[in-house]
């Protein structure tokens, strides 16, 4: 009985380490950005109006590359479908983002990686 408990604990530790390190990987923390937001950011990169500073365009791109609810994505999608020059669409994107008060989001801080030595048992109860 005791031997199977140790075997089970070893599997539990491996599973804990695997799940923790998966959550600690920055790639797994990256949010899913809607395609319309990617397109808007690409448009800003390619057709930045001359009056827009590089810093302002970078801030706008950072604000666009975040997960937003469908309502905001639909607004950006409607701006993208406007029948205007690309530079004018970028201006409309900037105005929409400004009117909505959207700001760049900070990436989540990843957890530190762990090893099996970092996992400790506090209490183990076997019920029979």
N, C-alpha and C. Protein backbone atom coordinates (compact mmCIF):
# COMPACT_ATOMS: atom_id res chain seq x y z
N UNK A 1 0.82 -1.19 0.00
CA UNK A 1 0.00 0.00 0.00
C UNK A 1 0.86 1.26 0.00
N UNK A 2 1.87 1.27 0.87
CA UNK A 2 2.73 2.46 0.97
C UNK A 2 3.50 2.67 -0.33
N UNK A 3 3.90 1.56 -0.96
CA UNK A 3 4.66 1.67 -2.21
C UNK A 3 3.83 2.32 -3.31
N UNK A 4 2.54 1.96 -3.39
CA UNK A 4 1.69 2.56 -4.42
C UNK A 4 1.43 4.03 -4.13
N UNK A 5 1.42 4.43 -2.87
CA UNK A 5 1.26 5.84 -2.51
C UNK A 5 2.46 6.65 -3.00
N UNK A 6 3.66 6.10 -2.85
CA UNK A 6 4.86 6.82 -3.33
C UNK A 6 4.87 6.91 -4.86
N UNK A 7 4.42 5.84 -5.51
CA UNK A 7 4.35 5.86 -6.97
C UNK A 7 3.34 6.91 -7.42
N UNK A 8 2.20 6.95 -6.75
CA UNK A 8 1.17 7.94 -7.08
C UNK A 8 1.69 9.35 -6.84
N UNK A 9 2.38 9.55 -5.72
CA UNK A 9 2.91 10.89 -5.42
C UNK A 9 3.92 11.32 -6.50
N UNK A 10 4.74 10.42 -6.98
CA UNK A 10 5.70 10.76 -8.03
C UNK A 10 4.97 11.22 -9.30
N UNK A 11 3.87 10.53 -9.64
CA UNK A 11 3.10 10.95 -10.81
C UNK A 11 2.43 12.30 -10.58
N UNK A 12 1.93 12.52 -9.37
CA UNK A 12 1.29 13.80 -9.03
C UNK A 12 2.31 14.93 -9.15
N UNK A 13 3.51 14.73 -8.64
CA UNK A 13 4.56 15.76 -8.72
C UNK A 13 4.88 16.08 -10.17
N UNK A 14 5.04 15.04 -10.98
CA UNK A 14 5.33 15.27 -12.41
C UNK A 14 4.22 16.07 -13.07
N UNK A 15 2.98 15.75 -12.74
CA UNK A 15 1.84 16.46 -13.32
C UNK A 15 1.81 17.92 -12.84
N UNK A 16 2.08 18.16 -11.58
CA UNK A 16 2.11 19.52 -11.04
C UNK A 16 3.18 20.34 -11.74
N UNK A 17 4.38 19.78 -11.85
CA UNK A 17 5.48 20.49 -12.50
C UNK A 17 5.14 20.80 -13.96
N UNK A 18 4.57 19.82 -14.66
CA UNK A 18 4.22 20.02 -16.07
C UNK A 18 3.17 21.13 -16.22
N UNK A 19 2.11 21.08 -15.43
CA UNK A 19 1.04 22.09 -15.55
C UNK A 19 1.55 23.47 -15.14
N UNK A 20 2.35 23.54 -14.09
CA UNK A 20 2.89 24.83 -13.64
C UNK A 20 3.79 25.44 -14.71
N UNK A 21 4.70 24.65 -15.25
CA UNK A 21 5.63 25.17 -16.25
C UNK A 21 4.93 25.54 -17.55
N UNK A 22 3.83 24.86 -17.85
CA UNK A 22 3.03 25.24 -19.01
C UNK A 22 2.42 26.62 -18.77
N UNK A 23 1.95 26.86 -17.56
CA UNK A 23 1.38 28.18 -17.23
C UNK A 23 2.47 29.24 -17.10
N UNK A 24 3.71 28.83 -16.89
CA UNK A 24 4.82 29.77 -16.74
C UNK A 24 5.41 30.19 -18.08
N UNK A 25 5.06 29.49 -19.15
CA UNK A 25 5.60 29.81 -20.47
C UNK A 25 4.93 31.07 -21.01
N UNK A 26 5.71 32.12 -21.30
CA UNK A 26 5.11 33.37 -21.81
C UNK A 26 4.29 33.17 -23.08
N UNK A 27 4.63 32.20 -23.89
CA UNK A 27 3.87 31.95 -25.12
C UNK A 27 2.44 31.50 -24.79
N UNK A 28 2.27 30.79 -23.69
CA UNK A 28 0.94 30.34 -23.30
C UNK A 28 0.13 31.44 -22.63
N UNK A 29 0.80 32.51 -22.22
CA UNK A 29 0.11 33.62 -21.58
C UNK A 29 -0.35 34.67 -22.58
N UNK A 30 0.17 34.59 -23.80
CA UNK A 30 -0.18 35.59 -24.81
C UNK A 30 -1.66 35.49 -25.15
N UNK A 31 -2.37 36.60 -25.09
CA UNK A 31 -3.80 36.56 -25.39
C UNK A 31 -4.05 36.37 -26.88
N UNK A 32 -5.22 35.88 -27.20
CA UNK A 32 -5.63 35.71 -28.59
C UNK A 32 -6.16 37.04 -29.10
N UNK A 33 -5.49 37.59 -30.11
CA UNK A 33 -5.86 38.88 -30.67
C UNK A 33 -6.76 38.65 -31.89
N UNK A 34 -7.93 39.30 -31.93
CA UNK A 34 -8.81 39.14 -33.10
C UNK A 34 -8.14 39.62 -34.39
N UNK A 35 -8.49 38.99 -35.49
CA UNK A 35 -7.91 39.30 -36.78
C UNK A 35 -8.11 40.76 -37.17
N UNK A 36 -9.27 41.32 -36.88
CA UNK A 36 -9.53 42.72 -37.22
C UNK A 36 -8.53 43.65 -36.52
N UNK A 37 -8.16 43.31 -35.31
CA UNK A 37 -7.20 44.14 -34.57
C UNK A 37 -5.80 44.02 -35.19
N UNK A 38 -5.45 42.81 -35.65
CA UNK A 38 -4.17 42.63 -36.35
C UNK A 38 -4.15 43.45 -37.64
N UNK A 39 -5.25 43.40 -38.38
CA UNK A 39 -5.32 44.16 -39.63
C UNK A 39 -5.20 45.65 -39.38
N UNK A 40 -5.87 46.13 -38.34
CA UNK A 40 -5.79 47.55 -38.00
C UNK A 40 -4.36 47.94 -37.63
N UNK A 41 -3.69 47.11 -36.84
CA UNK A 41 -2.31 47.39 -36.45
C UNK A 41 -1.39 47.39 -37.68
N UNK A 42 -1.60 46.45 -38.59
CA UNK A 42 -0.80 46.40 -39.82
C UNK A 42 -1.02 47.65 -40.66
N UNK A 43 -2.26 48.12 -40.71
CA UNK A 43 -2.57 49.33 -41.47
C UNK A 43 -1.86 50.54 -40.87
N UNK A 44 -1.83 50.63 -39.55
CA UNK A 44 -1.14 51.74 -38.88
C UNK A 44 0.36 51.67 -39.19
N UNK A 45 0.93 50.47 -39.16
CA UNK A 45 2.35 50.32 -39.48
C UNK A 45 2.67 50.77 -40.90
N UNK A 46 1.80 50.39 -41.83
CA UNK A 46 2.09 50.64 -43.24
C UNK A 46 1.71 52.04 -43.71
N UNK A 47 0.65 52.62 -43.16
CA UNK A 47 0.14 53.89 -43.66
C UNK A 47 0.05 54.97 -42.57
N UNK A 48 1.06 55.03 -41.72
CA UNK A 48 1.07 56.05 -40.66
C UNK A 48 1.00 57.44 -41.29
N UNK A 49 0.00 58.26 -40.92
CA UNK A 49 -0.08 59.62 -41.47
C UNK A 49 1.16 60.43 -41.06
N UNK A 50 1.53 61.38 -41.89
CA UNK A 50 2.75 62.16 -41.63
C UNK A 50 2.66 62.95 -40.34
N UNK A 51 1.46 63.36 -39.93
CA UNK A 51 1.34 64.15 -38.70
C UNK A 51 1.40 63.29 -37.43
N UNK A 52 1.32 61.97 -37.59
CA UNK A 52 1.38 61.06 -36.44
C UNK A 52 2.84 60.73 -36.13
N UNK A 53 3.24 60.93 -34.90
CA UNK A 53 4.62 60.62 -34.52
C UNK A 53 4.80 59.10 -34.47
N UNK A 54 6.05 58.69 -34.53
CA UNK A 54 6.35 57.26 -34.44
C UNK A 54 5.91 56.72 -33.08
N UNK A 55 6.14 57.51 -32.03
CA UNK A 55 5.73 57.09 -30.68
C UNK A 55 4.22 56.91 -30.59
N UNK A 56 3.48 57.85 -31.20
CA UNK A 56 2.01 57.75 -31.18
C UNK A 56 1.54 56.53 -31.96
N UNK A 57 2.19 56.24 -33.09
CA UNK A 57 1.78 55.07 -33.87
C UNK A 57 2.11 53.78 -33.11
N UNK A 58 3.25 53.74 -32.43
CA UNK A 58 3.60 52.55 -31.65
C UNK A 58 2.61 52.34 -30.50
N UNK A 59 2.22 53.44 -29.85
CA UNK A 59 1.24 53.34 -28.77
C UNK A 59 -0.11 52.86 -29.32
N UNK A 60 -0.49 53.36 -30.49
CA UNK A 60 -1.74 52.95 -31.12
C UNK A 60 -1.69 51.46 -31.47
N UNK A 61 -0.58 51.02 -32.03
CA UNK A 61 -0.41 49.60 -32.38
C UNK A 61 -0.49 48.73 -31.12
N UNK A 62 0.18 49.17 -30.06
CA UNK A 62 0.13 48.41 -28.80
C UNK A 62 -1.29 48.35 -28.25
N UNK A 63 -2.03 49.45 -28.38
CA UNK A 63 -3.42 49.46 -27.89
C UNK A 63 -4.30 48.54 -28.73
N UNK A 64 -4.00 48.43 -30.01
CA UNK A 64 -4.79 47.57 -30.89
C UNK A 64 -4.52 46.09 -30.63
N UNK A 65 -3.33 45.76 -30.22
CA UNK A 65 -2.95 44.36 -30.06
C UNK A 65 -3.25 43.85 -28.66
N UNK A 66 -4.54 43.82 -28.37
CA UNK A 66 -5.02 43.32 -27.09
C UNK A 66 -6.36 42.62 -27.34
N UNK A 67 -6.72 41.71 -26.46
CA UNK A 67 -8.00 41.03 -26.64
C UNK A 67 -9.14 41.95 -26.19
N UNK A 68 -10.05 42.24 -27.08
CA UNK A 68 -11.18 43.11 -26.77
C UNK A 68 -12.48 42.36 -26.98
N UNK A 69 -13.54 42.82 -26.32
CA UNK A 69 -14.84 42.18 -26.54
C UNK A 69 -15.35 42.46 -27.96
N UNK A 70 -16.31 41.69 -28.37
CA UNK A 70 -16.85 41.78 -29.72
C UNK A 70 -17.32 43.16 -30.12
N UNK A 71 -17.87 43.91 -29.18
CA UNK A 71 -18.37 45.25 -29.48
C UNK A 71 -17.26 46.14 -30.02
N UNK A 72 -16.11 46.11 -29.40
CA UNK A 72 -14.98 46.94 -29.83
C UNK A 72 -14.41 46.42 -31.14
N UNK A 73 -14.31 45.12 -31.28
CA UNK A 73 -13.80 44.53 -32.53
C UNK A 73 -14.71 44.91 -33.69
N UNK A 74 -16.02 44.89 -33.46
CA UNK A 74 -16.96 45.28 -34.53
C UNK A 74 -16.77 46.74 -34.91
N UNK A 75 -16.51 47.61 -33.94
CA UNK A 75 -16.26 49.02 -34.25
C UNK A 75 -15.01 49.18 -35.12
N UNK A 76 -13.96 48.49 -34.76
CA UNK A 76 -12.71 48.56 -35.55
C UNK A 76 -12.94 47.96 -36.93
N UNK A 77 -13.68 46.86 -36.99
CA UNK A 77 -13.97 46.23 -38.28
C UNK A 77 -14.77 47.19 -39.18
N UNK A 78 -15.70 47.95 -38.61
CA UNK A 78 -16.47 48.90 -39.41
C UNK A 78 -15.60 50.04 -39.90
N UNK A 79 -14.63 50.46 -39.07
CA UNK A 79 -13.69 51.49 -39.51
C UNK A 79 -12.83 50.96 -40.65
N UNK A 80 -12.39 49.72 -40.55
CA UNK A 80 -11.56 49.12 -41.59
C UNK A 80 -12.30 48.99 -42.92
N UNK A 81 -13.60 48.81 -42.84
CA UNK A 81 -14.37 48.65 -44.08
C UNK A 81 -14.79 49.98 -44.69
N UNK A 82 -14.37 51.08 -44.08
CA UNK A 82 -14.68 52.41 -44.61
C UNK A 82 -14.05 52.58 -45.98
N UNK A 83 -14.78 53.20 -46.88
CA UNK A 83 -14.29 53.42 -48.24
C UNK A 83 -13.52 54.75 -48.25
N UNK A 84 -12.27 54.70 -47.75
CA UNK A 84 -11.44 55.91 -47.68
C UNK A 84 -9.99 55.51 -47.94
N UNK A 85 -9.15 56.54 -48.07
CA UNK A 85 -7.72 56.30 -48.26
C UNK A 85 -7.15 55.64 -47.00
N UNK A 86 -6.12 54.81 -47.14
CA UNK A 86 -5.55 54.12 -45.97
C UNK A 86 -5.13 55.07 -44.85
N UNK A 87 -4.54 56.22 -45.20
CA UNK A 87 -4.12 57.17 -44.16
C UNK A 87 -5.34 57.70 -43.40
N UNK A 88 -6.44 57.90 -44.09
CA UNK A 88 -7.66 58.38 -43.44
C UNK A 88 -8.24 57.30 -42.52
N UNK A 89 -8.15 56.07 -42.96
CA UNK A 89 -8.62 54.96 -42.11
C UNK A 89 -7.79 54.89 -40.84
N UNK A 90 -6.48 55.11 -40.96
CA UNK A 90 -5.62 55.12 -39.77
C UNK A 90 -6.05 56.24 -38.83
N UNK A 91 -6.37 57.40 -39.37
CA UNK A 91 -6.85 58.51 -38.54
C UNK A 91 -8.16 58.13 -37.83
N UNK A 92 -9.04 57.44 -38.56
CA UNK A 92 -10.30 57.00 -37.95
C UNK A 92 -10.07 55.95 -36.87
N UNK A 93 -9.11 55.07 -37.11
CA UNK A 93 -8.74 54.07 -36.09
C UNK A 93 -8.25 54.79 -34.84
N UNK A 94 -7.36 55.77 -35.04
CA UNK A 94 -6.82 56.52 -33.90
C UNK A 94 -7.94 57.22 -33.13
N UNK A 95 -8.88 57.83 -33.85
CA UNK A 95 -9.99 58.53 -33.21
C UNK A 95 -10.86 57.54 -32.44
N UNK A 96 -11.14 56.40 -33.03
CA UNK A 96 -11.98 55.40 -32.37
C UNK A 96 -11.31 54.90 -31.09
N UNK A 97 -10.03 54.59 -31.18
CA UNK A 97 -9.30 54.11 -30.00
C UNK A 97 -9.28 55.18 -28.92
N UNK A 98 -9.06 56.43 -29.33
CA UNK A 98 -9.04 57.54 -28.39
C UNK A 98 -10.42 57.75 -27.75
N UNK A 99 -11.47 57.73 -28.57
CA UNK A 99 -12.83 57.92 -28.05
C UNK A 99 -13.22 56.83 -27.06
N UNK A 100 -12.75 55.62 -27.30
CA UNK A 100 -13.06 54.51 -26.41
C UNK A 100 -12.16 54.50 -25.17
N UNK A 101 -11.09 55.29 -25.20
CA UNK A 101 -10.16 55.35 -24.07
C UNK A 101 -9.31 54.10 -23.92
N UNK A 102 -9.06 53.43 -25.03
CA UNK A 102 -8.26 52.20 -24.97
C UNK A 102 -6.79 52.53 -24.86
N UNK A 103 -6.10 51.81 -24.02
CA UNK A 103 -4.68 51.99 -23.78
C UNK A 103 -3.95 50.67 -24.00
N UNK A 104 -2.65 50.74 -24.26
CA UNK A 104 -1.89 49.48 -24.36
C UNK A 104 -1.98 48.70 -23.05
N UNK A 105 -2.07 47.40 -23.17
CA UNK A 105 -2.13 46.56 -21.98
C UNK A 105 -0.75 46.01 -21.66
N UNK A 106 -0.48 45.83 -20.40
CA UNK A 106 0.79 45.25 -19.97
C UNK A 106 0.70 43.74 -20.08
N UNK A 107 1.75 43.11 -20.58
CA UNK A 107 1.71 41.64 -20.66
C UNK A 107 1.73 41.05 -19.25
N UNK A 108 1.07 39.90 -19.06
CA UNK A 108 1.08 39.29 -17.73
C UNK A 108 2.48 38.82 -17.36
N UNK A 109 2.79 38.89 -16.09
CA UNK A 109 4.08 38.44 -15.59
C UNK A 109 4.06 36.92 -15.49
N UNK A 110 4.98 36.25 -16.20
CA UNK A 110 4.97 34.78 -16.14
C UNK A 110 5.42 34.27 -14.78
N UNK A 111 4.93 33.11 -14.43
CA UNK A 111 5.36 32.45 -13.20
C UNK A 111 6.79 31.94 -13.39
N UNK A 112 7.54 31.78 -12.30
CA UNK A 112 8.87 31.19 -12.45
C UNK A 112 8.76 29.69 -12.72
N UNK A 113 9.70 29.16 -13.47
CA UNK A 113 9.73 27.72 -13.74
C UNK A 113 10.04 26.99 -12.43
N UNK A 114 9.53 25.77 -12.31
CA UNK A 114 9.80 24.96 -11.12
C UNK A 114 10.33 23.60 -11.52
N UNK A 115 10.88 22.91 -10.55
CA UNK A 115 11.31 21.52 -10.72
C UNK A 115 10.60 20.68 -9.66
N UNK A 116 10.79 19.40 -9.72
CA UNK A 116 10.12 18.52 -8.75
C UNK A 116 10.57 18.80 -7.31
N UNK A 117 11.76 19.37 -7.15
CA UNK A 117 12.22 19.70 -5.80
C UNK A 117 11.43 20.86 -5.18
N UNK A 118 10.73 21.63 -6.03
CA UNK A 118 9.95 22.76 -5.54
C UNK A 118 8.56 22.35 -5.05
N UNK A 119 8.16 21.11 -5.30
CA UNK A 119 6.84 20.64 -4.92
C UNK A 119 6.96 19.86 -3.61
N UNK A 120 6.23 20.32 -2.62
CA UNK A 120 6.27 19.67 -1.30
C UNK A 120 4.86 19.23 -0.90
N UNK A 121 4.82 18.16 -0.15
CA UNK A 121 3.54 17.67 0.35
C UNK A 121 3.30 18.25 1.73
N UNK A 122 2.10 18.72 1.96
CA UNK A 122 1.76 19.23 3.27
C UNK A 122 0.98 18.15 4.03
N UNK A 123 0.06 17.54 3.35
CA UNK A 123 -0.74 16.52 4.00
C UNK A 123 -1.25 15.54 2.94
N UNK A 124 -1.24 14.29 3.24
CA UNK A 124 -1.74 13.27 2.33
C UNK A 124 -2.63 12.34 3.15
N UNK A 125 -3.86 12.21 2.72
CA UNK A 125 -4.79 11.36 3.46
C UNK A 125 -5.27 10.25 2.52
N UNK A 126 -5.17 9.04 2.98
CA UNK A 126 -5.68 7.91 2.21
C UNK A 126 -6.93 7.41 2.92
N UNK A 127 -8.03 7.44 2.21
CA UNK A 127 -9.29 6.93 2.78
C UNK A 127 -9.57 5.58 2.17
N UNK A 128 -9.96 4.67 3.03
CA UNK A 128 -10.24 3.31 2.54
C UNK A 128 -11.64 2.92 2.90
